Structures are given as structure tokens and as C-alpha cells.
Amino acid sequence: MDQGPAVSPQAEEKAESGVMRPRKRREDLRSAAGATADEYLGRAEGVWHDARHRIRSFQDDGEQYVRENPTKAVFTALGIGFVLAFIFRR
């Protein structure tokens, strides 16, 4: 039977490493991308937590001010309403 040309062991090894090298690089890149994504996710969670804390603090301060100064709060809201109505009316 015709077996075709014989392939040397070095050629087989080079072909094998030619296939394995891109796979290894792909796995390395995937690992690095995952680590970077985890780092950015941690930062984003920290920023989100800080923003929520600041908003709650601002809301609590606003409620406290309204409780202490109800008349000022009502007149301020009326003034802002008139200004906005004047602006949007044009």
C-alpha cells in the first residue's frame, strides 16, 4: 500500500506546538482579561456604594432642613416653581 511521505518527529512536534501555542496565548489573554474585568468591577462597586451613600446623606440633610424650616422650604419651592414655569413658558 501507498503510505505517502514519512513525517519526521520534529515536524510533528513543530506542528503540535504550532497548534498549542495559540491555545496557550488565548488562555493567557482570557485570564488577564478576567483579572482586569474583576478589578474594574470592584472599582465600579466602590464608586456605586459611595454615590448611594452620598445621595442618602443629601436626602437626609434635605429632610432635616425641611423639618427645621418648613416656611422657608415652601417659599423656596414656590420660587423655584415660578422660575421654571417662566423659563419653560417661552
PDB file of N, CA and C in Angstrom:
ATOM      1  N   MET A   1       0.824  -1.183   0.000  1.00  0.00           N
ATOM      2  CA  MET A   1       0.000   0.000   0.000  1.00  0.00           C
ATOM      3  C   MET A   1       0.869   1.249   0.000  1.00  0.00           C
ATOM      4  N   ASP A   2       0.260   2.334  -0.466  1.00  0.00           N
ATOM      5  CA  ASP A   2       0.994   3.590  -0.548  1.00  0.00           C
ATOM      6  C   ASP A   2       0.827   4.355   0.760  1.00  0.00           C
ATOM      7  N   GLN A   3       1.917   4.569   1.477  1.00  0.00           N
ATOM      8  CA  GLN A   3       1.843   5.245   2.769  1.00  0.00           C
ATOM      9  C   GLN A   3       2.104   6.737   2.665  1.00  0.00           C
ATOM     10  N   GLY A   4       2.554   7.251   1.583  1.00  0.00           N
ATOM     11  CA  GLY A   4       2.852   8.657   1.414  1.00  0.00           C
ATOM     12  C   GLY A   4       4.184   8.992   2.040  1.00  0.00           C
ATOM     13  N   PRO A   5       4.553  10.256   2.011  1.00  0.00           N
ATOM     14  CA  PRO A   5       5.848  10.629   2.565  1.00  0.00           C
ATOM     15  C   PRO A   5       5.854  10.486   4.081  1.00  0.00           C
ATOM     16  N   ALA A   6       6.952  10.098   4.612  1.00  0.00           N
ATOM     17  CA  ALA A   6       7.099   9.943   6.063  1.00  0.00           C
ATOM     18  C   ALA A   6       7.295  11.318   6.695  1.00  0.00           C
ATOM     19  N   VAL A   7       6.650  11.525   7.847  1.00  0.00           N
ATOM     20  CA  VAL A   7       6.751  12.798   8.562  1.00  0.00           C
ATOM     21  C   VAL A   7       7.722  12.601   9.716  1.00  0.00           C
ATOM     22  N   SER A   8       8.683  13.500   9.786  1.00  0.00           N
ATOM     23  CA  SER A   8       9.690  13.362  10.833  1.00  0.00           C
ATOM     24  C   SER A   8       9.090  13.744  12.190  1.00  0.00           C
ATOM     25  N   PRO A   9       9.644  13.225  13.268  1.00  0.00           N
ATOM     26  CA  PRO A   9       9.152  13.560  14.612  1.00  0.00           C
ATOM     27  C   PRO A   9       9.290  15.051  14.929  1.00  0.00           C
ATOM     28  N   GLN A  10      10.330  15.689  14.406  1.00  0.00           N
ATOM     29  CA  GLN A  10      10.489  17.129  14.646  1.00  0.00           C
ATOM     30  C   GLN A  10       9.369  17.911  13.978  1.00  0.00           C
ATOM     31  N   ALA A  11       8.977  17.487  12.781  1.00  0.00           N
ATOM     32  CA  ALA A  11       7.898  18.175  12.069  1.00  0.00           C
ATOM     33  C   ALA A  11       6.583  18.006  12.832  1.00  0.00           C
ATOM     34  N   GLU A  12       6.356  16.804  13.342  1.00  0.00           N
ATOM     35  CA  GLU A  12       5.141  16.572  14.125  1.00  0.00           C
ATOM     36  C   GLU A  12       5.141  17.431  15.387  1.00  0.00           C
ATOM     37  N   GLU A  13       6.317  17.532  16.019  1.00  0.00           N
ATOM     38  CA  GLU A  13       6.439  18.336  17.238  1.00  0.00           C
ATOM     39  C   GLU A  13       6.196  19.817  16.940  1.00  0.00           C
ATOM     40  N   LYS A  14       6.743  20.304  15.823  1.00  0.00           N
ATOM     41  CA  LYS A  14       6.520  21.704  15.441  1.00  0.00           C
ATOM     42  C   LYS A  14       5.055  21.955  15.129  1.00  0.00           C
ATOM     43  N   ALA A  15       4.436  21.023  14.446  1.00  0.00           N
ATOM     44  CA  ALA A  15       3.013  21.178  14.127  1.00  0.00           C
ATOM     45  C   ALA A  15       2.186  21.191  15.409  1.00  0.00           C
ATOM     46  N   GLU A  16       2.533  20.307  16.331  1.00  0.00           N
ATOM     47  CA  GLU A  16       1.823  20.252  17.619  1.00  0.00           C
ATOM     48  C   GLU A  16       2.003  21.557  18.388  1.00  0.00           C
ATOM     49  N   SER A  17       3.246  22.086  18.436  1.00  0.00           N
ATOM     50  CA  SER A  17       3.479  23.330  19.168  1.00  0.00           C
ATOM     51  C   SER A  17       2.822  24.499  18.451  1.00  0.00           C
ATOM     52  N   GLY A  18       2.721  24.421  17.116  1.00  0.00           N
ATOM     53  CA  GLY A  18       2.033  25.466  16.360  1.00  0.00           C
ATOM     54  C   GLY A  18       0.559  25.525  16.685  1.00  0.00           C
ATOM     55  N   VAL A  19      -0.021  24.412  17.059  1.00  0.00           N
ATOM     56  CA  VAL A  19      -1.426  24.368  17.455  1.00  0.00           C
ATOM     57  C   VAL A  19      -1.584  24.751  18.921  1.00  0.00           C
ATOM     58  N   MET A  20      -0.661  24.315  19.760  1.00  0.00           N
ATOM     59  CA  MET A  20      -0.778  24.546  21.200  1.00  0.00           C
ATOM     60  C   MET A  20      -0.444  25.983  21.596  1.00  0.00           C
ATOM     61  N   ARG A  21       0.465  26.635  20.883  1.00  0.00           N
ATOM     62  CA  ARG A  21       0.873  27.987  21.232  1.00  0.00           C
ATOM     63  C   ARG A  21      -0.295  28.982  21.174  1.00  0.00           C
ATOM     64  N   PRO A  22      -1.075  28.996  20.100  1.00  0.00           N
ATOM     65  CA  PRO A  22      -2.220  29.930  20.090  1.00  0.00           C
ATOM     66  C   PRO A  22      -3.241  29.623  21.192  1.00  0.00           C
ATOM     67  N   ARG A  23      -3.440  28.350  21.476  1.00  0.00           N
ATOM     68  CA  ARG A  23      -4.373  27.990  22.559  1.00  0.00           C
ATOM     69  C   ARG A  23      -3.878  28.525  23.896  1.00  0.00           C
ATOM     70  N   LYS A  24      -2.574  28.380  24.133  1.00  0.00           N
ATOM     71  CA  LYS A  24      -1.979  28.865  25.383  1.00  0.00           C
ATOM     72  C   LYS A  24      -2.110  30.379  25.474  1.00  0.00           C
ATOM     73  N   ARG A  25      -1.833  31.069  24.372  1.00  0.00           N
ATOM     74  CA  ARG A  25      -1.960  32.528  24.371  1.00  0.00           C
ATOM     75  C   ARG A  25      -3.401  32.949  24.601  1.00  0.00           C
ATOM     76  N   ARG A  26      -4.322  32.236  23.976  1.00  0.00           N
ATOM     77  CA  ARG A  26      -5.741  32.549  24.168  1.00  0.00           C
ATOM     78  C   ARG A  26      -6.128  32.399  25.640  1.00  0.00           C
ATOM     79  N   GLU A  27      -5.667  31.336  26.268  1.00  0.00           N
ATOM     80  CA  GLU A  27      -5.968  31.118  27.686  1.00  0.00           C
ATOM     81  C   GLU A  27      -5.324  32.201  28.555  1.00  0.00           C
ATOM     82  N   ASP A  28      -4.092  32.595  28.213  1.00  0.00           N
ATOM     83  CA  ASP A  28      -3.417  33.662  28.961  1.00  0.00           C
ATOM     84  C   ASP A  28      -4.168  34.977  28.826  1.00  0.00           C
ATOM     85  N   LEU A  29      -4.595  35.300  27.608  1.00  0.00           N
ATOM     86  CA  LEU A  29      -5.351  36.542  27.384  1.00  0.00           C
ATOM     87  C   LEU A  29      -6.684  36.514  28.122  1.00  0.00           C
ATOM     88  N   ARG A  30      -7.344  35.380  28.081  1.00  0.00           N
ATOM     89  CA  ARG A  30      -8.625  35.252  28.775  1.00  0.00           C
ATOM     90  C   ARG A  30      -8.438  35.447  30.276  1.00  0.00           C
ATOM     91  N   SER A  31      -7.372  34.887  30.816  1.00  0.00           N
ATOM     92  CA  SER A  31      -7.088  35.032  32.240  1.00  0.00           C
ATOM     93  C   SER A  31      -6.793  36.491  32.590  1.00  0.00           C
ATOM     94  N   ALA A  32      -5.984  37.144  31.759  1.00  0.00           N
ATOM     95  CA  ALA A  32      -5.646  38.555  32.015  1.00  0.00           C
ATOM     96  C   ALA A  32      -6.881  39.435  31.888  1.00  0.00           C
ATOM     97  N   ALA A  33      -7.708  39.167  30.892  1.00  0.00           N
ATOM     98  CA  ALA A  33      -8.934  39.958  30.716  1.00  0.00           C
ATOM     99  C   ALA A  33      -9.879  39.755  31.898  1.00  0.00           C
ATOM    100  N   GLY A  34      -9.965  38.529  32.384  1.00  0.00           N
ATOM    101  CA  GLY A  34     -10.817  38.263  33.545  1.00  0.00           C
ATOM    102  C   GLY A  34     -10.333  38.997  34.775  1.00  0.00           C
ATOM    103  N   ALA A  35      -9.017  39.025  34.969  1.00  0.00           N
ATOM    104  CA  ALA A  35      -8.462  39.731  36.128  1.00  0.00           C
ATOM    105  C   ALA A  35      -8.724  41.229  36.017  1.00  0.00           C
ATOM    106  N   THR A  36      -8.571  41.777  34.817  1.00  0.00           N
ATOM    107  CA  THR A  36      -8.827  43.206  34.609  1.00  0.00           C
ATOM    108  C   THR A  36     -10.299  43.519  34.816  1.00  0.00           C
ATOM    109  N   ALA A  37     -11.157  42.657  34.306  1.00  0.00           N
ATOM    110  CA  ALA A  37     -12.597  42.865  34.480  1.00  0.00           C
ATOM    111  C   ALA A  37     -12.977  42.817  35.960  1.00  0.00           C
ATOM    112  N   ASP A  38     -12.398  41.895  36.698  1.00  0.00           N
ATOM    113  CA  ASP A  38     -12.679  41.814  38.135  1.00  0.00           C
ATOM    114  C   ASP A  38     -12.213  43.073  38.863  1.00  0.00           C
ATOM    115  N   GLU A  39     -11.067  43.604  38.449  1.00  0.00           N
ATOM    116  CA  GLU A  39     -10.547  44.820  39.076  1.00  0.00           C
ATOM    117  C   GLU A  39     -11.495  45.992  38.822  1.00  0.00           C
ATOM    118  N   TYR A  40     -11.920  46.153  37.570  1.00  0.00           N
ATOM    119  CA  TYR A  40     -12.830  47.256  37.243  1.00  0.00           C
ATOM    120  C   TYR A  40     -14.194  47.069  37.895  1.00  0.00           C
ATOM    121  N   LEU A  41     -14.636  45.834  38.019  1.00  0.00           N
ATOM    122  CA  LEU A  41     -15.899  45.572  38.700  1.00  0.00           C
ATOM    123  C   LEU A  41     -15.812  45.989  40.159  1.00  0.00           C
ATOM    124  N   GLY A  42     -14.703  45.690  40.805  1.00  0.00           N
ATOM    125  CA  GLY A  42     -14.507  46.099  42.196  1.00  0.00           C
ATOM    126  C   GLY A  42     -14.502  47.612  42.346  1.00  0.00           C
ATOM    127  N   ARG A  43     -13.842  48.287  41.413  1.00  0.00           N
ATOM    128  CA  ARG A  43     -13.832  49.754  41.456  1.00  0.00           C
ATOM    129  C   ARG A  43     -15.231  50.317  41.245  1.00  0.00           C
ATOM    130  N   ALA A  44     -15.953  49.760  40.284  1.00  0.00           N
ATOM    131  CA  ALA A  44     -17.307  50.252  39.993  1.00  0.00           C
ATOM    132  C   ALA A  44     -18.228  50.046  41.188  1.00  0.00           C
ATOM    133  N   GLU A  45     -18.106  48.907  41.849  1.00  0.00           N
ATOM    134  CA  GLU A  45     -18.928  48.667  43.038  1.00  0.00           C
ATOM    135  C   GLU A  45     -18.611  49.679  44.129  1.00  0.00           C
ATOM    136  N   GLY A  46     -17.336  50.012  44.293  1.00  0.00           N
ATOM    137  CA  GLY A  46     -16.945  51.007  45.297  1.00  0.00           C
ATOM    138  C   GLY A  46     -17.518  52.378  44.977  1.00  0.00           C
ATOM    139  N   VAL A  47     -17.436  52.780  43.712  1.00  0.00           N
ATOM    140  CA  VAL A  47     -17.981  54.076  43.304  1.00  0.00           C
ATOM    141  C   VAL A  47     -19.494  54.095  43.479  1.00  0.00           C
ATOM    142  N   TRP A  48     -20.151  52.992  43.110  1.00  0.00           N
ATOM    143  CA  TRP A  48     -21.613  52.902  43.253  1.00  0.00           C
ATOM    144  C   TRP A  48     -22.013  53.014  44.721  1.00  0.00           C
ATOM    145  N   HIS A  49     -21.304  52.322  45.594  1.00  0.00           N
ATOM    146  CA  HIS A  49     -21.601  52.370  47.021  1.00  0.00           C
ATOM    147  C   HIS A  49     -21.415  53.787  47.553  1.00  0.00           C
ATOM    148  N   ASP A  50     -20.332  54.443  47.148  1.00  0.00           N
ATOM    149  CA  ASP A  50     -20.062  55.809  47.593  1.00  0.00           C
ATOM    150  C   ASP A  50     -21.145  56.771  47.110  1.00  0.00           C
ATOM    151  N   ALA A  51     -21.563  56.631  45.855  1.00  0.00           N
ATOM    152  CA  ALA A  51     -22.610  57.505  45.305  1.00  0.00           C
ATOM    153  C   ALA A  51     -23.932  57.304  46.041  1.00  0.00           C
ATOM    154  N   ARG A  52     -24.291  56.061  46.311  1.00  0.00           N
ATOM    155  CA  ARG A  52     -25.534  55.797  47.055  1.00  0.00           C
ATOM    156  C   ARG A  52     -25.480  56.394  48.451  1.00  0.00           C
ATOM    157  N   HIS A  53     -24.327  56.283  49.101  1.00  0.00           N
ATOM    158  CA  HIS A  53     -24.160  56.845  50.440  1.00  0.00           C
ATOM    159  C   HIS A  53     -24.313  58.368  50.419  1.00  0.00           C
ATOM    160  N   ARG A  54     -23.693  59.005  49.415  1.00  0.00           N
ATOM    161  CA  ARG A  54     -23.791  60.466  49.311  1.00  0.00           C
ATOM    162  C   ARG A  54     -25.220  60.914  49.030  1.00  0.00           C
ATOM    163  N   ILE A  55     -25.919  60.199  48.170  1.00  0.00           N
ATOM    164  CA  ILE A  55     -27.302  60.563  47.853  1.00  0.00           C
ATOM    165  C   ILE A  55     -28.187  60.416  49.081  1.00  0.00           C
ATOM    166  N   ARG A  56     -28.020  59.332  49.811  1.00  0.00           N
ATOM    167  CA  ARG A  56     -28.817  59.145  51.035  1.00  0.00           C
ATOM    168  C   ARG A  56     -28.520  60.245  52.047  1.00  0.00           C
ATOM    169  N   SER A  57     -27.257  60.606  52.162  1.00  0.00           N
ATOM    170  CA  SER A  57     -26.876  61.666  53.085  1.00  0.00           C
ATOM    171  C   SER A  57     -27.502  62.996  52.659  1.00  0.00           C
ATOM    172  N   PHE A  58     -27.457  63.289  51.374  1.00  0.00           N
ATOM    173  CA  PHE A  58     -28.056  64.513  50.850  1.00  0.00           C
ATOM    174  C   PHE A  58     -29.565  64.522  51.090  1.00  0.00           C
ATOM    175  N   GLN A  59     -30.212  63.385  50.883  1.00  0.00           N
ATOM    176  CA  GLN A  59     -31.660  63.281  51.112  1.00  0.00           C
ATOM    177  C   GLN A  59     -31.978  63.492  52.587  1.00  0.00           C
ATOM    178  N   ASP A  60     -31.218  62.858  53.457  1.00  0.00           N
ATOM    179  CA  ASP A  60     -31.451  63.024  54.895  1.00  0.00           C
ATOM    180  C   ASP A  60     -31.246  64.476  55.329  1.00  0.00           C
ATOM    181  N   ASP A  61     -30.209  65.123  54.798  1.00  0.00           N
ATOM    182  CA  ASP A  61     -29.966  66.534  55.122  1.00  0.00           C
ATOM    183  C   ASP A  61     -31.119  67.409  54.641  1.00  0.00           C
ATOM    184  N   GLY A  62     -31.633  67.119  53.454  1.00  0.00           N
ATOM    185  CA  GLY A  62     -32.765  67.885  52.915  1.00  0.00           C
ATOM    186  C   GLY A  62     -34.014  67.718  53.758  1.00  0.00           C
ATOM    187  N   GLU A  63     -34.294  66.503  54.149  1.00  0.00           N
ATOM    188  CA  GLU A  63     -35.466  66.256  55.002  1.00  0.00           C
ATOM    189  C   GLU A  63     -35.318  66.958  56.344  1.00  0.00           C
ATOM    190  N   GLN A  64     -34.125  66.927  56.897  1.00  0.00           N
ATOM    191  CA  GLN A  64     -33.887  67.592  58.184  1.00  0.00           C
ATOM    192  C   GLN A  64     -34.086  69.098  58.047  1.00  0.00           C
ATOM    193  N   TYR A  65     -33.595  69.681  56.953  1.00  0.00           N
ATOM    194  CA  TYR A  65     -33.752  71.122  56.735  1.00  0.00           C
ATOM    195  C   TYR A  65     -35.229  71.486  56.610  1.00  0.00           C
ATOM    196  N   VAL A  66     -35.988  70.692  55.882  1.00  0.00           N
ATOM    197  CA  VAL A  66     -37.427  70.974  55.699  1.00  0.00           C
ATOM    198  C   VAL A  66     -38.151  70.878  57.040  1.00  0.00           C
ATOM    199  N   ARG A  67     -37.784  69.921  57.874  1.00  0.00           N
ATOM    200  CA  ARG A  67     -38.430  69.796  59.190  1.00  0.00           C
ATOM    201  C   ARG A  67     -38.107  70.992  60.080  1.00  0.00           C
ATOM    202  N   GLU A  68     -36.883  71.489  59.967  1.00  0.00           N
ATOM    203  CA  GLU A  68     -36.484  72.621  60.803  1.00  0.00           C
ATOM    204  C   GLU A  68     -36.983  73.961  60.257  1.00  0.00           C
ATOM    205  N   ASN A  69     -37.169  74.084  58.963  1.00  0.00           N
ATOM    206  CA  ASN A  69     -37.563  75.348  58.326  1.00  0.00           C
ATOM    207  C   ASN A  69     -38.695  75.120  57.318  1.00  0.00           C
ATOM    208  N   PRO A  70     -39.878  74.753  57.760  1.00  0.00           N
ATOM    209  CA  PRO A  70     -40.940  74.437  56.797  1.00  0.00           C
ATOM    210  C   PRO A  70     -41.376  75.646  55.959  1.00  0.00           C
ATOM    211  N   THR A  71     -41.414  76.817  56.551  1.00  0.00           N
ATOM    212  CA  THR A  71     -41.850  78.001  55.801  1.00  0.00           C
ATOM    213  C   THR A  71     -40.860  78.332  54.704  1.00  0.00           C
ATOM    214  N   LYS A  72     -39.595  78.355  55.030  1.00  0.00           N
ATOM    215  CA  LYS A  72     -38.560  78.618  54.021  1.00  0.00           C
ATOM    216  C   LYS A  72     -38.626  77.589  52.900  1.00  0.00           C
ATOM    217  N   ALA A  73     -38.830  76.328  53.254  1.00  0.00           N
ATOM    218  CA  ALA A  73     -38.877  75.265  52.258  1.00  0.00           C
ATOM    219  C   ALA A  73     -40.043  75.468  51.295  1.00  0.00           C
ATOM    220  N   VAL A  74     -41.209  75.825  51.817  1.00  0.00           N
ATOM    221  CA  VAL A  74     -42.381  76.031  50.965  1.00  0.00           C
ATOM    222  C   VAL A  74     -42.160  77.216  50.037  1.00  0.00           C
ATOM    223  N   PHE A  75     -41.669  78.336  50.568  1.00  0.00           N
ATOM    224  CA  PHE A  75     -41.449  79.511  49.727  1.00  0.00           C
ATOM    225  C   PHE A  75     -40.327  79.281  48.703  1.00  0.00           C
ATOM    226  N   THR A  76     -39.322  78.533  49.088  1.00  0.00           N
ATOM    227  CA  THR A  76     -38.263  78.196  48.134  1.00  0.00           C
ATOM    228  C   THR A  76     -38.811  77.341  46.994  1.00  0.00           C
ATOM    229  N   ALA A  77     -39.632  76.366  47.338  1.00  0.00           N
ATOM    230  CA  ALA A  77     -40.241  75.509  46.308  1.00  0.00           C
ATOM    231  C   ALA A  77     -41.142  76.329  45.391  1.00  0.00           C
ATOM    232  N   LEU A  78     -41.916  77.259  45.961  1.00  0.00           N
ATOM    233  CA  LEU A  78     -42.762  78.124  45.137  1.00  0.00           C
ATOM    234  C   LEU A  78     -41.921  78.983  44.203  1.00  0.00           C
ATOM    235  N   GLY A  79     -40.858  79.558  44.721  1.00  0.00           N
ATOM    236  CA  GLY A  79     -39.982  80.396  43.901  1.00  0.00           C
ATOM    237  C   GLY A  79     -39.360  79.612  42.753  1.00  0.00           C
ATOM    238  N   ILE A  80     -38.882  78.424  43.055  1.00  0.00           N
ATOM    239  CA  ILE A  80     -38.292  77.580  42.010  1.00  0.00           C
ATOM    240  C   ILE A  80     -39.347  77.205  40.978  1.00  0.00           C
ATOM    241  N   GLY A  81     -40.560  76.916  41.437  1.00  0.00           N
ATOM    242  CA  GLY A  81     -41.648  76.595  40.513  1.00  0.00           C
ATOM    243  C   GLY A  81     -41.965  77.753  39.580  1.00  0.00           C
ATOM    244  N   PHE A  82     -42.023  78.974  40.113  1.00  0.00           N
ATOM    245  CA  PHE A  82     -42.285  80.145  39.272  1.00  0.00           C
ATOM    246  C   PHE A  82     -41.172  80.359  38.249  1.00  0.00           C
ATOM    247  N   VAL A  83     -39.937  80.225  38.679  1.00  0.00           N
ATOM    248  CA  VAL A  83     -38.818  80.409  37.763  1.00  0.00           C
ATOM    249  C   VAL A  83     -38.858  79.360  36.655  1.00  0.00           C
ATOM    250  N   LEU A  84     -39.091  78.122  37.007  1.00  0.00           N
ATOM    251  CA  LEU A  84     -39.157  77.070  35.987  1.00  0.00           C
ATOM    252  C   LEU A  84     -40.332  77.283  35.033  1.00  0.00           C
ATOM    253  N   ALA A  85     -41.483  77.696  35.583  1.00  0.00           N
ATOM    254  CA  ALA A  85     -42.627  77.975  34.724  1.00  0.00           C
ATOM    255  C   ALA A  85     -42.310  79.105  33.765  1.00  0.00           C
ATOM    256  N   PHE A  86     -41.628  80.131  34.238  1.00  0.00           N
ATOM    257  CA  PHE A  86     -41.263  81.253  33.386  1.00  0.00           C
ATOM    258  C   PHE A  86     -40.296  80.818  32.281  1.00  0.00           C
ATOM    259  N   ILE A  87     -39.356  79.992  32.634  1.00  0.00           N
ATOM    260  CA  ILE A  87     -38.366  79.513  31.657  1.00  0.00           C
ATOM    261  C   ILE A  87     -39.022  78.630  30.593  1.00  0.00           C
ATOM    262  N   PHE A  88     -39.856  77.697  31.015  1.00  0.00           N
ATOM    263  CA  PHE A  88     -40.457  76.762  30.060  1.00  0.00           C
ATOM    264  C   PHE A  88     -41.623  77.371  29.280  1.00  0.00           C
ATOM    265  N   ARG A  89     -42.130  78.483  29.735  1.00  0.00           N
ATOM    266  CA  ARG A  89     -43.247  79.112  29.049  1.00  0.00           C
ATOM    267  C   ARG A  89     -42.788  79.745  27.738  1.00  0.00           C
ATOM    268  N   ARG A  90     -41.566  80.164  27.691  1.00  0.00           N
ATOM    269  CA  ARG A  90     -41.039  80.827  26.491  1.00  0.00           C
ATOM    270  C   ARG A  90     -40.898  79.855  25.419  1.00  0.00           C
TER     271      ARG A  90
END
